[in-house]
Amino acid sequence: MIAARDKGCGILLISADFDEILNLSDRIIVMFEGRVMGVYAGDNPPIEEISLAMAGKEN
């Protein structure tokens, strides 16, 4: 998966493992109950904001 990402392939990673998401993502999209709660850059993401979005809280 990492080799494919490094070659420029798009990969959809669905995970509840926050560390895995932070380590592998170029962009993070948080969904809650079928609704997009936020889109964040993978480099230096706002962890507190993402955590709130994962819990369904509006930013």
N, C-alpha and C. Protein backbone atom coordinates (compact mmCIF):
# COMPACT_ATOMS: atom_id res chain seq x y z
N MET A 1 0.82 -1.19 0.00
CA MET A 1 0.00 0.00 0.00
C MET A 1 0.88 1.26 0.00
N ILE A 2 1.91 1.26 0.81
CA ILE A 2 2.78 2.43 0.88
C ILE A 2 3.54 2.62 -0.43
N ALA A 3 4.00 1.53 -1.04
CA ALA A 3 4.71 1.63 -2.32
C ALA A 3 3.80 2.18 -3.40
N ALA A 4 2.54 1.75 -3.42
CA ALA A 4 1.58 2.26 -4.41
C ALA A 4 1.32 3.74 -4.18
N ARG A 5 1.18 4.14 -2.91
CA ARG A 5 0.98 5.56 -2.59
C ARG A 5 2.15 6.39 -3.07
N ASP A 6 3.36 5.89 -2.82
CA ASP A 6 4.57 6.62 -3.20
C ASP A 6 4.73 6.75 -4.71
N LYS A 7 4.09 5.85 -5.46
CA LYS A 7 4.10 5.92 -6.92
C LYS A 7 3.00 6.83 -7.46
N GLY A 8 2.17 7.38 -6.57
CA GLY A 8 1.15 8.32 -7.00
C GLY A 8 -0.24 7.73 -7.12
N CYS A 9 -0.42 6.48 -6.75
CA CYS A 9 -1.75 5.85 -6.82
C CYS A 9 -2.65 6.42 -5.71
N GLY A 10 -3.92 6.57 -6.03
CA GLY A 10 -4.88 6.98 -5.02
C GLY A 10 -5.32 5.76 -4.23
N ILE A 11 -5.37 5.89 -2.91
CA ILE A 11 -5.76 4.78 -2.05
C ILE A 11 -6.81 5.29 -1.07
N LEU A 12 -7.90 4.56 -0.95
CA LEU A 12 -8.92 4.88 0.03
C LEU A 12 -8.67 4.00 1.24
N LEU A 13 -8.34 4.62 2.36
CA LEU A 13 -8.07 3.91 3.60
C LEU A 13 -9.20 4.22 4.57
N ILE A 14 -9.89 3.17 4.97
CA ILE A 14 -10.96 3.34 5.96
C ILE A 14 -10.47 2.66 7.23
N SER A 15 -10.34 3.45 8.29
CA SER A 15 -9.77 2.91 9.52
C SER A 15 -10.25 3.71 10.72
N ALA A 16 -10.36 3.01 11.84
CA ALA A 16 -10.65 3.67 13.11
C ALA A 16 -9.36 3.86 13.91
N ASP A 17 -8.24 3.40 13.36
CA ASP A 17 -6.93 3.53 14.00
C ASP A 17 -6.35 4.90 13.67
N PHE A 18 -6.45 5.82 14.60
CA PHE A 18 -6.07 7.21 14.37
C PHE A 18 -4.60 7.35 13.99
N ASP A 19 -3.71 6.62 14.66
CA ASP A 19 -2.28 6.70 14.34
C ASP A 19 -2.01 6.23 12.92
N GLU A 20 -2.68 5.16 12.50
CA GLU A 20 -2.52 4.66 11.14
C GLU A 20 -2.94 5.72 10.12
N ILE A 21 -4.03 6.36 10.36
CA ILE A 21 -4.53 7.40 9.46
C ILE A 21 -3.53 8.55 9.37
N LEU A 22 -3.04 9.01 10.51
CA LEU A 22 -2.10 10.13 10.53
C LEU A 22 -0.78 9.79 9.83
N ASN A 23 -0.32 8.56 9.96
CA ASN A 23 0.96 8.15 9.38
C ASN A 23 0.89 7.91 7.88
N LEU A 24 -0.27 7.55 7.34
CA LEU A 24 -0.36 7.15 5.94
C LEU A 24 -1.05 8.15 5.02
N SER A 25 -1.71 9.14 5.56
CA SER A 25 -2.59 9.98 4.75
C SER A 25 -1.96 11.26 4.23
N ASP A 26 -2.31 11.58 2.98
CA ASP A 26 -1.99 12.89 2.41
C ASP A 26 -3.16 13.85 2.63
N ARG A 27 -4.34 13.27 2.73
CA ARG A 27 -5.56 14.04 2.97
C ARG A 27 -6.48 13.18 3.82
N ILE A 28 -7.18 13.79 4.77
CA ILE A 28 -8.06 13.08 5.68
C ILE A 28 -9.46 13.64 5.51
N ILE A 29 -10.40 12.76 5.24
CA ILE A 29 -11.81 13.14 5.14
C ILE A 29 -12.54 12.39 6.25
N VAL A 30 -13.20 13.12 7.12
CA VAL A 30 -13.92 12.50 8.23
C VAL A 30 -15.40 12.46 7.90
N MET A 31 -15.97 11.26 8.01
CA MET A 31 -17.41 11.09 7.81
C MET A 31 -18.03 10.60 9.12
N PHE A 32 -19.24 11.05 9.37
CA PHE A 32 -19.98 10.62 10.55
C PHE A 32 -21.43 10.45 10.13
N GLU A 33 -21.95 9.25 10.30
CA GLU A 33 -23.33 8.92 9.93
C GLU A 33 -23.64 9.33 8.49
N GLY A 34 -22.71 9.04 7.57
CA GLY A 34 -22.92 9.29 6.15
C GLY A 34 -22.71 10.73 5.70
N ARG A 35 -22.27 11.58 6.59
CA ARG A 35 -22.08 12.99 6.28
C ARG A 35 -20.61 13.37 6.41
N VAL A 36 -20.09 14.14 5.45
CA VAL A 36 -18.71 14.61 5.54
C VAL A 36 -18.64 15.71 6.59
N MET A 37 -17.81 15.46 7.60
CA MET A 37 -17.68 16.41 8.70
C MET A 37 -16.50 17.36 8.51
N GLY A 38 -15.54 16.95 7.68
CA GLY A 38 -14.39 17.81 7.46
C GLY A 38 -13.38 17.17 6.53
N VAL A 39 -12.61 18.01 5.86
CA VAL A 39 -11.52 17.58 4.98
C VAL A 39 -10.26 18.29 5.46
N TYR A 40 -9.20 17.52 5.69
CA TYR A 40 -7.99 18.06 6.30
C TYR A 40 -6.75 17.61 5.52
N ALA A 41 -5.74 18.45 5.49
CA ALA A 41 -4.47 18.08 4.88
C ALA A 41 -3.78 17.05 5.76
N GLY A 42 -3.06 16.12 5.15
CA GLY A 42 -2.38 15.08 5.91
C GLY A 42 -1.12 15.55 6.60
N ASP A 43 -0.55 16.65 6.15
CA ASP A 43 0.65 17.17 6.80
C ASP A 43 0.26 18.15 7.90
N ASN A 44 0.64 17.83 9.12
CA ASN A 44 0.32 18.63 10.30
C ASN A 44 -1.19 18.86 10.46
N PRO A 45 -1.98 17.78 10.53
CA PRO A 45 -3.43 17.92 10.64
C PRO A 45 -3.85 18.40 12.03
N PRO A 46 -4.98 19.10 12.12
CA PRO A 46 -5.47 19.58 13.42
C PRO A 46 -6.13 18.42 14.19
N ILE A 47 -5.36 17.75 15.02
CA ILE A 47 -5.80 16.52 15.66
C ILE A 47 -7.05 16.71 16.51
N GLU A 48 -7.12 17.78 17.27
CA GLU A 48 -8.30 18.02 18.11
C GLU A 48 -9.55 18.22 17.25
N GLU A 49 -9.42 18.97 16.18
CA GLU A 49 -10.54 19.22 15.26
C GLU A 49 -11.01 17.92 14.60
N ILE A 50 -10.06 17.09 14.19
CA ILE A 50 -10.40 15.81 13.58
C ILE A 50 -11.10 14.92 14.59
N SER A 51 -10.62 14.89 15.83
CA SER A 51 -11.24 14.08 16.88
C SER A 51 -12.68 14.48 17.11
N LEU A 52 -12.93 15.78 17.15
CA LEU A 52 -14.30 16.26 17.33
C LEU A 52 -15.18 15.87 16.14
N ALA A 53 -14.64 15.98 14.93
CA ALA A 53 -15.40 15.61 13.73
C ALA A 53 -15.74 14.12 13.75
N MET A 54 -14.80 13.29 14.24
CA MET A 54 -15.04 11.85 14.33
C MET A 54 -16.17 11.52 15.29
N ALA A 55 -16.39 12.40 16.26
CA ALA A 55 -17.46 12.20 17.24
C ALA A 55 -18.77 12.86 16.79
N GLY A 56 -18.76 13.46 15.59
CA GLY A 56 -19.98 14.07 15.05
C GLY A 56 -20.20 15.50 15.46
N LYS A 57 -19.19 16.12 16.04
CA LYS A 57 -19.32 17.52 16.45
C LYS A 57 -18.99 18.45 15.30
N GLU A 58 -19.78 19.48 15.14
CA GLU A 58 -19.54 20.50 14.10
C GLU A 58 -18.37 21.38 14.52
N ASN A 59 -17.56 21.78 13.56
CA ASN A 59 -16.42 22.68 13.85
C ASN A 59 -16.83 24.12 13.71
